PDB file of N, CA and C in Angstrom:
ATOM      1  N   MET A   1      66.885  19.146 -93.926  1.00  0.00           N
ATOM      2  CA  MET A   1      65.780  20.029 -94.244  1.00  0.00           C
ATOM      3  C   MET A   1      66.341  21.382 -94.685  1.00  0.00           C
ATOM      4  N   ASN A   2      65.845  21.874 -95.811  1.00  0.00           N
ATOM      5  CA  ASN A   2      66.293  23.173 -96.318  1.00  0.00           C
ATOM      6  C   ASN A   2      65.531  24.295 -95.636  1.00  0.00           C
ATOM      7  N   ASN A   3      66.264  25.293 -95.199  1.00  0.00           N
ATOM      8  CA  ASN A   3      65.637  26.465 -94.585  1.00  0.00           C
ATOM      9  C   ASN A   3      65.475  27.557 -95.639  1.00  0.00           C
ATOM     10  N   TYR A   4      64.332  28.192 -95.662  1.00  0.00           N
ATOM     11  CA  TYR A   4      64.066  29.299 -96.575  1.00  0.00           C
ATOM     12  C   TYR A   4      64.388  30.590 -95.852  1.00  0.00           C
ATOM     13  N   ASN A   5      65.341  31.356 -96.363  1.00  0.00           N
ATOM     14  CA  ASN A   5      65.769  32.592 -95.730  1.00  0.00           C
ATOM     15  C   ASN A   5      65.101  33.768 -96.437  1.00  0.00           C
ATOM     16  N   ALA A   6      63.974  34.224 -95.924  1.00  0.00           N
ATOM     17  CA  ALA A   6      63.226  35.324 -96.535  1.00  0.00           C
ATOM     18  C   ALA A   6      63.988  36.636 -96.483  1.00  0.00           C
ATOM     19  N   LYS A   7      64.849  36.806 -95.484  1.00  0.00           N
ATOM     20  CA  LYS A   7      65.614  38.057 -95.377  1.00  0.00           C
ATOM     21  C   LYS A   7      66.574  38.238 -96.542  1.00  0.00           C
ATOM     22  N   SER A   8      67.032  37.159 -97.129  1.00  0.00           N
ATOM     23  CA  SER A   8      68.004  37.263 -98.209  1.00  0.00           C
ATOM     24  C   SER A   8      67.348  37.508 -99.564  1.00  0.00           C
ATOM     25  N   LYS A   9      66.040  37.459 -99.655  1.00  0.00           N
ATOM     26  CA  LYS A   9      65.326  37.640-100.916  1.00  0.00           C
ATOM     27  C   LYS A   9      65.021  39.115-101.163  1.00  0.00           C
ATOM     28  N   LEU A  10      65.040  39.504-102.439  1.00  0.00           N
ATOM     29  CA  LEU A  10      64.693  40.875-102.797  1.00  0.00           C
ATOM     30  C   LEU A  10      63.189  41.068-102.711  1.00  0.00           C
ATOM     31  N   ILE A  11      62.783  42.200-102.191  1.00  0.00           N
ATOM     32  CA  ILE A  11      61.363  42.542-102.135  1.00  0.00           C
ATOM     33  C   ILE A  11      61.149  43.708-103.081  1.00  0.00           C
ATOM     34  N   ARG A  12      60.206  43.545-103.997  1.00  0.00           N
ATOM     35  CA  ARG A  12      59.933  44.613-104.951  1.00  0.00           C
ATOM     36  C   ARG A  12      58.457  44.622-105.300  1.00  0.00           C
ATOM     37  N   GLN A  13      58.028  45.744-105.810  1.00  0.00           N
ATOM     38  CA  GLN A  13      56.638  45.897-106.222  1.00  0.00           C
ATOM     39  C   GLN A  13      56.624  46.355-107.666  1.00  0.00           C
ATOM     40  N   ASN A  14      55.886  45.651-108.484  1.00  0.00           N
ATOM     41  CA  ASN A  14      55.751  46.032-109.885  1.00  0.00           C
ATOM     42  C   ASN A  14      54.643  47.059-110.038  1.00  0.00           C
ATOM     43  N   ARG A  15      54.810  47.962-111.014  1.00  0.00           N
ATOM     44  CA  ARG A  15      53.768  48.942-111.300  1.00  0.00           C
ATOM     45  C   ARG A  15      52.542  48.206-111.802  1.00  0.00           C
ATOM     46  N   GLN A  16      51.390  48.535-111.271  1.00  0.00           N
ATOM     47  CA  GLN A  16      50.164  47.821-111.613  1.00  0.00           C
ATOM     48  C   GLN A  16      49.480  48.454-112.818  1.00  0.00           C
ATOM     49  N   ASN A  17      49.247  47.663-113.820  1.00  0.00           N
ATOM     50  CA  ASN A  17      48.473  48.069-114.980  1.00  0.00           C
ATOM     51  C   ASN A  17      47.291  47.130-115.127  1.00  0.00           C
ATOM     52  N   VAL A  18      46.231  47.617-115.714  1.00  0.00           N
ATOM     53  CA  VAL A  18      45.067  46.784-115.975  1.00  0.00           C
ATOM     54  C   VAL A  18      45.069  46.445-117.464  1.00  0.00           C
ATOM     55  N   PHE A  19      45.250  45.172-117.796  1.00  0.00           N
ATOM     56  CA  PHE A  19      45.299  44.721-119.181  1.00  0.00           C
ATOM     57  C   PHE A  19      46.285  45.540-120.003  1.00  0.00           C
ATOM     58  N   GLY A  20      47.397  45.936-119.407  1.00  0.00           N
ATOM     59  CA  GLY A  20      48.399  46.697-120.130  1.00  0.00           C
ATOM     60  C   GLY A  20      48.077  48.167-120.283  1.00  0.00           C
ATOM     61  N   LEU A  21      46.965  48.608-119.747  1.00  0.00           N
ATOM     62  CA  LEU A  21      46.596  50.021-119.821  1.00  0.00           C
ATOM     63  C   LEU A  21      47.038  50.739-118.560  1.00  0.00           C
ATOM     64  N   ASP A  22      47.293  52.009-118.696  1.00  0.00           N
ATOM     65  CA  ASP A  22      47.624  52.830-117.544  1.00  0.00           C
ATOM     66  C   ASP A  22      46.412  52.911-116.626  1.00  0.00           C
ATOM     67  N   THR A  23      46.617  52.671-115.353  1.00  0.00           N
ATOM     68  CA  THR A  23      45.525  52.685-114.378  1.00  0.00           C
ATOM     69  C   THR A  23      44.848  54.052-114.330  1.00  0.00           C
ATOM     70  N   GLU A  24      45.607  55.129-114.520  1.00  0.00           N
ATOM     71  CA  GLU A  24      45.013  56.470-114.512  1.00  0.00           C
ATOM     72  C   GLU A  24      44.009  56.636-115.647  1.00  0.00           C
ATOM     73  N   LEU A  25      44.322  56.076-116.826  1.00  0.00           N
ATOM     74  CA  LEU A  25      43.391  56.154-117.949  1.00  0.00           C
ATOM     75  C   LEU A  25      42.108  55.393-117.641  1.00  0.00           C
ATOM     76  N   VAL A  26      42.232  54.210-117.078  1.00  0.00           N
ATOM     77  CA  VAL A  26      41.056  53.414-116.725  1.00  0.00           C
ATOM     78  C   VAL A  26      40.210  54.149-115.685  1.00  0.00           C
ATOM     79  N   ASN A  27      40.851  54.761-114.685  1.00  0.00           N
ATOM     80  CA  ASN A  27      40.113  55.517-113.668  1.00  0.00           C
ATOM     81  C   ASN A  27      39.374  56.700-114.279  1.00  0.00           C
ATOM     82  N   ASN A  28      39.973  57.368-115.273  1.00  0.00           N
ATOM     83  CA  ASN A  28      39.313  58.508-115.900  1.00  0.00           C
ATOM     84  C   ASN A  28      38.171  58.074-116.807  1.00  0.00           C
ATOM     85  N   ILE A  29      38.288  56.923-117.449  1.00  0.00           N
ATOM     86  CA  ILE A  29      37.172  56.383-118.229  1.00  0.00           C
ATOM     87  C   ILE A  29      35.999  56.095-117.290  1.00  0.00           C
ATOM     88  N   ASN A  30      36.286  55.472-116.163  1.00  0.00           N
ATOM     89  CA  ASN A  30      35.231  55.206-115.177  1.00  0.00           C
ATOM     90  C   ASN A  30      34.603  56.503-114.672  1.00  0.00           C
ATOM     91  N   ALA A  31      35.423  57.535-114.461  1.00  0.00           N
ATOM     92  CA  ALA A  31      34.907  58.819-113.975  1.00  0.00           C
ATOM     93  C   ALA A  31      33.932  59.429-114.982  1.00  0.00           C
ATOM     94  N   VAL A  32      34.271  59.385-116.277  1.00  0.00           N
ATOM     95  CA  VAL A  32      33.369  59.932-117.296  1.00  0.00           C
ATOM     96  C   VAL A  32      32.053  59.163-117.305  1.00  0.00           C
ATOM     97  N   ILE A  33      32.136  57.829-117.236  1.00  0.00           N
ATOM     98  CA  ILE A  33      30.927  57.009-117.246  1.00  0.00           C
ATOM     99  C   ILE A  33      30.048  57.328-116.039  1.00  0.00           C
ATOM    100  N   MET A  34      30.673  57.634-114.893  1.00  0.00           N
ATOM    101  CA  MET A  34      29.924  57.921-113.669  1.00  0.00           C
ATOM    102  C   MET A  34      29.645  59.418-113.499  1.00  0.00           C
ATOM    103  N   GLU A  35      29.897  60.206-114.583  1.00  0.00           N
ATOM    104  CA  GLU A  35      29.640  61.647-114.602  1.00  0.00           C
ATOM    105  C   GLU A  35      30.391  62.388-113.507  1.00  0.00           C
ATOM    106  N   GLN A  36      31.655  62.030-113.329  1.00  0.00           N
ATOM    107  CA  GLN A  36      32.542  62.702-112.380  1.00  0.00           C
ATOM    108  C   GLN A  36      33.623  63.442-113.163  1.00  0.00           C
ATOM    109  N   PRO A  37      34.335  64.377-112.527  1.00  0.00           N
ATOM    110  CA  PRO A  37      35.386  65.120-113.236  1.00  0.00           C
ATOM    111  C   PRO A  37      36.470  64.194-113.789  1.00  0.00           C
ATOM    112  N   SER A  38      36.927  64.508-115.000  1.00  0.00           N
ATOM    113  CA  SER A  38      37.944  63.697-115.666  1.00  0.00           C
ATOM    114  C   SER A  38      38.661  64.551-116.697  1.00  0.00           C
ATOM    115  N   PHE A  39      39.873  64.149-117.081  1.00  0.00           N
ATOM    116  CA  PHE A  39      40.561  64.865-118.154  1.00  0.00           C
ATOM    117  C   PHE A  39      40.051  64.421-119.527  1.00  0.00           C
ATOM    118  N   LEU A  40      39.196  63.407-119.562  1.00  0.00           N
ATOM    119  CA  LEU A  40      38.596  62.942-120.810  1.00  0.00           C
ATOM    120  C   LEU A  40      37.248  63.606-121.032  1.00  0.00           C
ATOM    121  N   ALA A  41      36.843  63.689-122.288  1.00  0.00           N
ATOM    122  CA  ALA A  41      35.504  64.170-122.625  1.00  0.00           C
ATOM    123  C   ALA A  41      34.634  62.963-122.958  1.00  0.00           C
ATOM    124  N   GLU A  42      33.329  63.164-122.931  1.00  0.00           N
ATOM    125  CA  GLU A  42      32.407  62.056-123.215  1.00  0.00           C
ATOM    126  C   GLU A  42      32.618  61.472-124.607  1.00  0.00           C
ATOM    127  N   ASP A  43      33.036  62.304-125.563  1.00  0.00           N
ATOM    128  CA  ASP A  43      33.230  61.806-126.929  1.00  0.00           C
ATOM    129  C   ASP A  43      34.640  61.281-127.180  1.00  0.00           C
ATOM    130  N   SER A  44      35.427  61.077-126.112  1.00  0.00           N
ATOM    131  CA  SER A  44      36.784  60.560-126.247  1.00  0.00           C
ATOM    132  C   SER A  44      36.827  59.062-126.516  1.00  0.00           C
ATOM    133  N   PHE A  45      35.768  58.367-126.222  1.00  0.00           N
ATOM    134  CA  PHE A  45      35.716  56.926-126.417  1.00  0.00           C
ATOM    135  C   PHE A  45      34.282  56.495-126.654  1.00  0.00           C
ATOM    136  N   VAL A  46      34.122  55.267-127.122  1.00  0.00           N
ATOM    137  CA  VAL A  46      32.797  54.720-127.412  1.00  0.00           C
ATOM    138  C   VAL A  46      32.612  53.457-126.583  1.00  0.00           C
ATOM    139  N   VAL A  47      31.440  53.321-125.968  1.00  0.00           N
ATOM    140  CA  VAL A  47      31.127  52.140-125.163  1.00  0.00           C
ATOM    141  C   VAL A  47      30.097  51.310-125.917  1.00  0.00           C
ATOM    142  N   TYR A  48      30.442  50.033-126.144  1.00  0.00           N
ATOM    143  CA  TYR A  48      29.524  49.090-126.770  1.00  0.00           C
ATOM    144  C   TYR A  48      29.092  48.097-125.702  1.00  0.00           C
ATOM    145  N   ALA A  49      27.793  47.957-125.504  1.00  0.00           N
ATOM    146  CA  ALA A  49      27.282  47.040-124.486  1.00  0.00           C
ATOM    147  C   ALA A  49      26.464  45.948-125.157  1.00  0.00           C
ATOM    148  N   GLY A  50      26.843  44.713-124.904  1.00  0.00           N
ATOM    149  CA  GLY A  50      26.096  43.568-125.404  1.00  0.00           C
ATOM    150  C   GLY A  50      25.362  42.915-124.247  1.00  0.00           C
ATOM    151  N   SER A  51      24.761  41.782-124.516  1.00  0.00           N
ATOM    152  CA  SER A  51      24.008  41.098-123.462  1.00  0.00           C
ATOM    153  C   SER A  51      24.939  40.493-122.400  1.00  0.00           C
ATOM    154  N   ASN A  52      26.154  40.124-122.794  1.00  0.00           N
ATOM    155  CA  ASN A  52      27.068  39.489-121.840  1.00  0.00           C
ATOM    156  C   ASN A  52      28.369  40.235-121.615  1.00  0.00           C
ATOM    157  N   ASP A  53      28.620  41.308-122.368  1.00  0.00           N
ATOM    158  CA  ASP A  53      29.900  41.989-122.225  1.00  0.00           C
ATOM    159  C   ASP A  53      29.801  43.463-122.569  1.00  0.00           C
ATOM    160  N   ILE A  54      30.847  44.177-122.206  1.00  0.00           N
ATOM    161  CA  ILE A  54      30.968  45.607-122.505  1.00  0.00           C
ATOM    162  C   ILE A  54      32.345  45.820-123.120  1.00  0.00           C
ATOM    163  N   VAL A  55      32.388  46.556-124.229  1.00  0.00           N
ATOM    164  CA  VAL A  55      33.648  46.880-124.891  1.00  0.00           C
ATOM    165  C   VAL A  55      33.774  48.393-124.926  1.00  0.00           C
ATOM    166  N   ILE A  56      34.943  48.900-124.507  1.00  0.00           N
ATOM    167  CA  ILE A  56      35.208  50.339-124.537  1.00  0.00           C
ATOM    168  C   ILE A  56      36.283  50.580-125.580  1.00  0.00           C
ATOM    169  N   ASP A  57      35.935  51.306-126.639  1.00  0.00           N
ATOM    170  CA  ASP A  57      36.859  51.611-127.730  1.00  0.00           C
ATOM    171  C   ASP A  57      37.577  52.914-127.390  1.00  0.00           C
ATOM    172  N   ILE A  58      38.871  52.799-127.035  1.00  0.00           N
ATOM    173  CA  ILE A  58      39.650  53.980-126.628  1.00  0.00           C
ATOM    174  C   ILE A  58      40.680  54.363-127.685  1.00  0.00           C
ATOM    175  N   ARG A  59      40.538  53.839-128.908  1.00  0.00           N
ATOM    176  CA  ARG A  59      41.550  54.105-129.944  1.00  0.00           C
ATOM    177  C   ARG A  59      41.741  55.588-130.202  1.00  0.00           C
ATOM    178  N   SER A  60      40.680  56.375-130.216  1.00  0.00           N
ATOM    179  CA  SER A  60      40.841  57.810-130.465  1.00  0.00           C
ATOM    180  C   SER A  60      41.468  58.521-129.270  1.00  0.00           C
ATOM    181  N   THR A  61      41.272  57.979-128.066  1.00  0.00           N
ATOM    182  CA  THR A  61      41.837  58.566-126.862  1.00  0.00           C
ATOM    183  C   THR A  61      43.353  58.439-126.823  1.00  0.00           C
ATOM    184  N   ILE A  62      43.855  57.294-127.292  1.00  0.00           N
ATOM    185  CA  ILE A  62      45.299  57.045-127.226  1.00  0.00           C
ATOM    186  C   ILE A  62      45.994  57.298-128.553  1.00  0.00           C
ATOM    187  N   GLY A  63      45.263  57.853-129.517  1.00  0.00           N
ATOM    188  CA  GLY A  63      45.861  58.264-130.770  1.00  0.00           C
ATOM    189  C   GLY A  63      45.952  57.192-131.838  1.00  0.00           C
ATOM    190  N   LEU A  64      45.101  56.200-131.788  1.00  0.00           N
ATOM    191  CA  LEU A  64      45.102  55.162-132.837  1.00  0.00           C
ATOM    192  C   LEU A  64      43.945  55.374-133.795  1.00  0.00           C
TER     193      LEU A  64
END
């Protein structure tokens, strides 16, 4: 029987991103939508809402 030695394994934590976006940017988008303080302005992005989905266009925010 093979024994698994957990002590010999490296333990690491990867930086968490949401869909490849910086988590801070996502939190600030949410803050603007919820009318809370943010480094973004209301006109920094556009929100498109359909019957089944929501799309947030952040191209102008990130310089695209």
